[in-house]
N, C-alpha and C. Protein backbone atom coordinates (compact mmCIF):
# COMPACT_ATOMS: atom_id res chain seq x y z
N MET A 1 19.00 -4.63 -0.25
CA MET A 1 18.95 -3.19 -0.14
C MET A 1 17.67 -2.80 0.59
N PRO A 2 17.78 -1.99 1.64
CA PRO A 2 16.57 -1.53 2.32
C PRO A 2 15.70 -0.71 1.38
N ARG A 3 14.41 -0.81 1.57
CA ARG A 3 13.46 -0.13 0.70
C ARG A 3 12.58 0.82 1.48
N ARG A 4 12.02 1.76 0.76
CA ARG A 4 10.92 2.57 1.28
C ARG A 4 9.83 2.52 0.22
N LEU A 5 8.62 2.65 0.66
CA LEU A 5 7.47 2.53 -0.23
C LEU A 5 6.65 3.80 -0.24
N VAL A 6 6.12 4.12 -1.41
CA VAL A 6 5.08 5.14 -1.53
C VAL A 6 3.86 4.40 -2.03
N VAL A 7 2.84 4.33 -1.18
CA VAL A 7 1.61 3.60 -1.48
C VAL A 7 0.53 4.61 -1.82
N THR A 8 -0.04 4.46 -3.01
CA THR A 8 -1.06 5.39 -3.48
C THR A 8 -2.40 4.68 -3.59
N VAL A 9 -3.42 5.30 -3.02
CA VAL A 9 -4.79 4.79 -3.10
C VAL A 9 -5.66 5.89 -3.68
N CYS A 10 -6.46 5.55 -4.69
CA CYS A 10 -7.37 6.53 -5.26
C CYS A 10 -8.60 6.66 -4.37
N PRO A 11 -8.85 7.86 -3.82
CA PRO A 11 -9.99 8.03 -2.92
C PRO A 11 -11.32 8.19 -3.65
N HIS A 12 -11.28 8.32 -4.97
CA HIS A 12 -12.50 8.59 -5.73
C HIS A 12 -13.15 7.35 -6.33
N GLU A 13 -12.48 6.22 -6.26
CA GLU A 13 -13.04 5.03 -6.88
C GLU A 13 -14.13 4.44 -5.99
N PRO A 14 -15.27 4.14 -6.59
CA PRO A 14 -16.29 3.46 -5.82
C PRO A 14 -15.90 1.98 -5.71
N GLY A 15 -16.62 1.25 -4.97
CA GLY A 15 -16.35 -0.18 -4.86
C GLY A 15 -15.82 -0.53 -3.50
N VAL A 16 -15.91 -1.81 -3.21
CA VAL A 16 -15.53 -2.33 -1.91
C VAL A 16 -14.80 -3.65 -2.14
N VAL A 17 -13.81 -3.89 -1.31
CA VAL A 17 -13.12 -5.18 -1.30
C VAL A 17 -13.37 -5.79 0.08
N VAL A 18 -13.47 -7.11 0.13
CA VAL A 18 -13.69 -7.79 1.40
C VAL A 18 -12.48 -8.65 1.69
N LEU A 19 -11.72 -8.28 2.69
CA LEU A 19 -10.56 -9.06 3.11
C LEU A 19 -10.12 -8.63 4.49
N PRO A 20 -9.36 -9.49 5.17
CA PRO A 20 -8.85 -9.09 6.48
C PRO A 20 -7.74 -8.05 6.34
N VAL A 21 -7.55 -7.27 7.36
CA VAL A 21 -6.45 -6.31 7.37
C VAL A 21 -5.16 -7.03 7.75
N HIS A 22 -5.22 -7.87 8.78
CA HIS A 22 -4.07 -8.65 9.25
C HIS A 22 -4.23 -10.10 8.83
N SER A 23 -3.12 -10.78 8.66
CA SER A 23 -3.15 -12.21 8.35
C SER A 23 -3.86 -12.95 9.47
N GLY A 24 -4.81 -13.79 9.10
CA GLY A 24 -5.57 -14.56 10.08
C GLY A 24 -6.72 -13.80 10.71
N GLY A 25 -6.89 -12.54 10.34
CA GLY A 25 -7.97 -11.73 10.92
C GLY A 25 -9.29 -11.97 10.21
N SER A 26 -10.30 -11.33 10.70
CA SER A 26 -11.63 -11.43 10.10
C SER A 26 -11.72 -10.51 8.89
N ALA A 27 -12.39 -10.98 7.86
CA ALA A 27 -12.58 -10.17 6.66
C ALA A 27 -13.48 -8.98 6.97
N ARG A 28 -13.15 -7.84 6.37
CA ARG A 28 -13.94 -6.61 6.53
C ARG A 28 -14.22 -6.03 5.16
N ARG A 29 -15.28 -5.27 5.08
CA ARG A 29 -15.59 -4.52 3.85
C ARG A 29 -14.79 -3.23 3.90
N LEU A 30 -13.98 -3.02 2.86
CA LEU A 30 -13.11 -1.85 2.82
C LEU A 30 -13.32 -1.09 1.52
N ASP A 31 -13.80 0.15 1.64
CA ASP A 31 -13.82 1.03 0.47
C ASP A 31 -12.48 1.76 0.45
N ALA A 32 -12.27 2.64 -0.51
CA ALA A 32 -10.97 3.31 -0.65
C ALA A 32 -10.56 4.07 0.61
N PRO A 33 -11.42 4.88 1.22
CA PRO A 33 -11.00 5.56 2.45
C PRO A 33 -10.65 4.59 3.58
N ALA A 34 -11.37 3.48 3.67
CA ALA A 34 -11.06 2.49 4.70
C ALA A 34 -9.74 1.78 4.42
N VAL A 35 -9.41 1.57 3.15
CA VAL A 35 -8.12 0.98 2.79
C VAL A 35 -7.00 1.92 3.24
N VAL A 36 -7.13 3.21 2.96
CA VAL A 36 -6.12 4.19 3.37
C VAL A 36 -5.96 4.16 4.89
N GLN A 37 -7.06 4.20 5.61
CA GLN A 37 -6.99 4.22 7.08
C GLN A 37 -6.38 2.92 7.62
N ALA A 38 -6.77 1.79 7.07
CA ALA A 38 -6.22 0.51 7.53
C ALA A 38 -4.72 0.44 7.26
N LEU A 39 -4.28 0.93 6.10
CA LEU A 39 -2.85 0.95 5.80
C LEU A 39 -2.11 1.90 6.75
N ARG A 40 -2.71 3.06 7.04
CA ARG A 40 -2.10 3.99 8.01
C ARG A 40 -1.94 3.32 9.37
N ASP A 41 -2.98 2.61 9.79
CA ASP A 41 -2.93 1.92 11.07
C ASP A 41 -1.83 0.86 11.07
N LEU A 42 -1.69 0.11 9.97
CA LEU A 42 -0.64 -0.91 9.87
C LEU A 42 0.74 -0.28 9.96
N VAL A 43 0.93 0.83 9.27
CA VAL A 43 2.23 1.52 9.29
C VAL A 43 2.56 1.96 10.71
N MET A 44 1.59 2.50 11.42
CA MET A 44 1.83 2.95 12.79
C MET A 44 2.06 1.76 13.72
N GLU A 45 1.27 0.71 13.60
CA GLU A 45 1.43 -0.49 14.44
C GLU A 45 2.82 -1.09 14.29
N GLN A 46 3.30 -1.11 13.07
CA GLN A 46 4.58 -1.76 12.78
C GLN A 46 5.75 -0.78 12.82
N ARG A 47 5.46 0.48 13.17
CA ARG A 47 6.48 1.53 13.27
C ARG A 47 7.28 1.66 11.97
N LEU A 48 6.55 1.74 10.87
CA LEU A 48 7.17 1.81 9.56
C LEU A 48 7.05 3.19 8.92
N ASP A 49 6.71 4.21 9.72
CA ASP A 49 6.48 5.53 9.13
C ASP A 49 7.72 6.09 8.45
N GLY A 50 8.90 5.62 8.75
CA GLY A 50 10.10 6.05 8.06
C GLY A 50 10.34 5.30 6.76
N TYR A 51 9.54 4.26 6.53
CA TYR A 51 9.74 3.41 5.35
C TYR A 51 8.53 3.35 4.42
N VAL A 52 7.37 3.72 4.93
CA VAL A 52 6.15 3.64 4.13
C VAL A 52 5.43 4.98 4.19
N CYS A 53 5.20 5.56 3.03
CA CYS A 53 4.47 6.81 2.90
C CYS A 53 3.16 6.51 2.17
N LEU A 54 2.06 6.97 2.71
CA LEU A 54 0.75 6.78 2.08
C LEU A 54 0.29 8.09 1.47
N ARG A 55 -0.31 7.98 0.30
CA ARG A 55 -0.85 9.17 -0.33
C ARG A 55 -2.12 8.81 -1.09
N GLU A 56 -2.96 9.78 -1.27
CA GLU A 56 -4.17 9.60 -2.05
C GLU A 56 -3.92 10.20 -3.43
N GLY A 57 -4.26 9.44 -4.45
CA GLY A 57 -4.05 9.89 -5.82
C GLY A 57 -4.46 8.78 -6.77
N CYS A 58 -4.25 9.00 -8.04
CA CYS A 58 -4.62 8.01 -9.04
C CYS A 58 -3.72 6.78 -8.91
N ALA A 59 -4.35 5.63 -8.80
CA ALA A 59 -3.61 4.37 -8.72
C ALA A 59 -3.84 3.55 -9.99
N GLY A 60 -4.55 4.13 -10.95
CA GLY A 60 -4.87 3.41 -12.17
C GLY A 60 -6.17 2.63 -12.01
N GLY A 61 -6.68 2.13 -13.10
CA GLY A 61 -7.88 1.31 -13.05
C GLY A 61 -9.17 2.07 -12.88
N CYS A 62 -9.23 3.27 -13.40
CA CYS A 62 -10.43 4.09 -13.21
C CYS A 62 -11.65 3.56 -13.97
N GLY A 63 -11.46 2.61 -14.85
CA GLY A 63 -12.55 2.11 -15.67
C GLY A 63 -13.55 1.25 -14.93
N GLN A 64 -13.15 0.68 -13.80
CA GLN A 64 -14.04 -0.17 -13.03
C GLN A 64 -13.93 0.21 -11.56
N ALA A 65 -14.82 -0.38 -10.77
CA ALA A 65 -14.82 -0.08 -9.34
C ALA A 65 -13.55 -0.59 -8.68
N GLY A 66 -13.00 0.17 -7.78
CA GLY A 66 -11.81 -0.21 -7.02
C GLY A 66 -12.22 -0.88 -5.73
N PRO A 67 -11.54 -0.64 -4.68
CA PRO A 67 -10.42 0.27 -4.58
C PRO A 67 -9.15 -0.31 -5.21
N ASN A 68 -8.32 0.59 -5.70
CA ASN A 68 -7.08 0.19 -6.34
C ASN A 68 -5.91 0.85 -5.62
N VAL A 69 -4.78 0.14 -5.64
CA VAL A 69 -3.59 0.59 -4.92
C VAL A 69 -2.39 0.47 -5.85
N GLY A 70 -1.53 1.48 -5.82
CA GLY A 70 -0.26 1.44 -6.53
C GLY A 70 0.87 1.60 -5.53
N VAL A 71 1.98 0.91 -5.76
CA VAL A 71 3.13 0.99 -4.87
C VAL A 71 4.37 1.29 -5.70
N THR A 72 5.11 2.32 -5.32
CA THR A 72 6.43 2.54 -5.91
C THR A 72 7.46 2.24 -4.84
N ILE A 73 8.53 1.60 -5.27
CA ILE A 73 9.57 1.15 -4.36
C ILE A 73 10.81 2.00 -4.60
N HIS A 74 11.37 2.53 -3.53
CA HIS A 74 12.51 3.43 -3.60
C HIS A 74 13.61 2.94 -2.64
N PRO A 75 14.86 3.26 -2.94
CA PRO A 75 15.91 2.93 -1.97
C PRO A 75 15.81 3.85 -0.76
N VAL A 76 16.26 3.37 0.37
CA VAL A 76 16.33 4.20 1.57
C VAL A 76 17.56 5.09 1.43
N PRO A 77 17.41 6.39 1.62
CA PRO A 77 18.58 7.28 1.47
C PRO A 77 19.61 7.03 2.57
N ARG A 78 20.83 7.34 2.26
CA ARG A 78 21.90 7.25 3.26
C ARG A 78 21.65 8.31 4.33
N PRO A 79 22.19 8.10 5.51
CA PRO A 79 22.02 9.11 6.57
C PRO A 79 22.46 10.49 6.10
N GLY A 80 21.62 11.47 6.33
CA GLY A 80 21.90 12.84 5.95
C GLY A 80 21.46 13.21 4.54
N GLU A 81 21.12 12.22 3.72
CA GLU A 81 20.66 12.50 2.36
C GLU A 81 19.14 12.61 2.34
N LYS A 82 18.64 13.42 1.41
CA LYS A 82 17.20 13.51 1.21
C LYS A 82 16.75 12.35 0.33
N PRO A 83 15.54 11.83 0.56
CA PRO A 83 15.05 10.77 -0.32
C PRO A 83 14.77 11.33 -1.71
N ASP A 84 15.05 10.52 -2.73
CA ASP A 84 14.73 10.96 -4.08
C ASP A 84 13.39 10.35 -4.50
N HIS A 85 12.96 10.68 -5.67
CA HIS A 85 11.67 10.21 -6.15
C HIS A 85 11.82 9.29 -7.35
N VAL A 86 12.99 8.68 -7.48
CA VAL A 86 13.25 7.76 -8.58
C VAL A 86 12.95 6.35 -8.09
N ALA A 87 11.93 5.74 -8.64
CA ALA A 87 11.53 4.40 -8.22
C ALA A 87 12.47 3.35 -8.79
N ILE A 88 12.75 2.33 -7.98
CA ILE A 88 13.54 1.20 -8.45
C ILE A 88 12.64 0.01 -8.76
N GLY A 89 11.35 0.18 -8.49
CA GLY A 89 10.38 -0.86 -8.79
C GLY A 89 8.99 -0.37 -8.48
N TRP A 90 8.00 -1.12 -8.91
CA TRP A 90 6.62 -0.75 -8.63
C TRP A 90 5.74 -1.98 -8.77
N LYS A 91 4.57 -1.87 -8.19
CA LYS A 91 3.58 -2.94 -8.28
C LYS A 91 2.21 -2.29 -8.15
N THR A 92 1.25 -2.80 -8.89
CA THR A 92 -0.10 -2.28 -8.76
C THR A 92 -1.03 -3.40 -8.29
N TYR A 93 -2.03 -2.98 -7.58
CA TYR A 93 -3.10 -3.86 -7.12
C TYR A 93 -4.39 -3.32 -7.70
N VAL A 94 -4.46 -3.30 -9.01
CA VAL A 94 -5.62 -2.81 -9.73
C VAL A 94 -6.52 -4.01 -10.00
N TYR A 95 -7.70 -3.96 -9.46
CA TYR A 95 -8.69 -5.05 -9.54
C TYR A 95 -8.21 -6.33 -8.88
N SER A 96 -7.19 -6.29 -8.03
CA SER A 96 -6.67 -7.53 -7.46
C SER A 96 -6.60 -7.54 -5.94
N LEU A 97 -7.04 -6.49 -5.27
CA LEU A 97 -6.97 -6.49 -3.81
C LEU A 97 -7.69 -7.70 -3.21
N GLY A 98 -8.81 -8.07 -3.78
CA GLY A 98 -9.60 -9.18 -3.25
C GLY A 98 -8.89 -10.52 -3.33
N SER A 99 -7.84 -10.62 -4.13
CA SER A 99 -7.11 -11.88 -4.24
C SER A 99 -6.02 -12.03 -3.17
N LEU A 100 -5.75 -10.96 -2.42
CA LEU A 100 -4.74 -11.03 -1.37
C LEU A 100 -5.28 -11.76 -0.15
N ASP A 101 -4.39 -12.37 0.63
CA ASP A 101 -4.85 -13.02 1.85
C ASP A 101 -5.20 -12.00 2.93
N CYS A 102 -4.58 -10.81 2.87
CA CYS A 102 -4.90 -9.72 3.79
C CYS A 102 -4.31 -8.43 3.24
N LEU A 103 -4.78 -7.30 3.73
CA LEU A 103 -4.30 -6.01 3.28
C LEU A 103 -2.83 -5.79 3.62
N ALA A 104 -2.38 -6.35 4.73
CA ALA A 104 -0.98 -6.20 5.14
C ALA A 104 -0.01 -6.78 4.12
N THR A 105 -0.48 -7.64 3.24
CA THR A 105 0.37 -8.22 2.20
C THR A 105 0.99 -7.13 1.33
N ILE A 106 0.28 -6.03 1.13
CA ILE A 106 0.80 -4.94 0.31
C ILE A 106 2.13 -4.46 0.88
N ILE A 107 2.19 -4.27 2.17
CA ILE A 107 3.42 -3.82 2.80
C ILE A 107 4.43 -4.96 2.86
N ASP A 108 3.97 -6.13 3.30
CA ASP A 108 4.88 -7.25 3.49
C ASP A 108 5.60 -7.66 2.21
N GLU A 109 4.87 -7.80 1.11
CA GLU A 109 5.52 -8.31 -0.09
C GLU A 109 6.37 -7.27 -0.81
N ASN A 110 6.21 -6.01 -0.47
CA ASN A 110 7.00 -4.97 -1.13
C ASN A 110 8.11 -4.41 -0.25
N LEU A 111 7.98 -4.55 1.06
CA LEU A 111 8.98 -3.99 1.97
C LEU A 111 9.78 -5.08 2.66
N ARG A 112 9.12 -5.98 3.28
CA ARG A 112 9.79 -6.96 4.12
C ARG A 112 10.57 -8.01 3.35
N LEU A 113 10.17 -8.33 2.14
CA LEU A 113 10.89 -9.35 1.38
C LEU A 113 12.27 -8.87 0.97
N SER A 114 12.53 -7.58 1.10
CA SER A 114 13.84 -7.06 0.74
C SER A 114 14.83 -7.22 1.87
N GLU A 115 14.35 -7.59 3.05
CA GLU A 115 15.24 -7.68 4.21
C GLU A 115 16.04 -8.97 4.19
């Protein structure tokens, strides 16, 4: 089933994660605003704006430094239908962004594995 994602990043969490944006790329220091911008750039590069929506909001994990990311997974609406807001799955990256091989993994493991 094709998926669409709503990716939420909390812009208020302090902290930095060090990881590449693309697989095989150089690691960068990314605070919450940089994570949002890097994800926006990935969505545009991969032409996924119809499948991935980014928003700033609470992603959980406010007790420690982030950045933290939450993902809700939704079905793609049929042609002519409006998208609903009922998630069919979710995943959080609270205190775990640094364990990813790259930031693009957030999109890849939640969107592309459904293809």
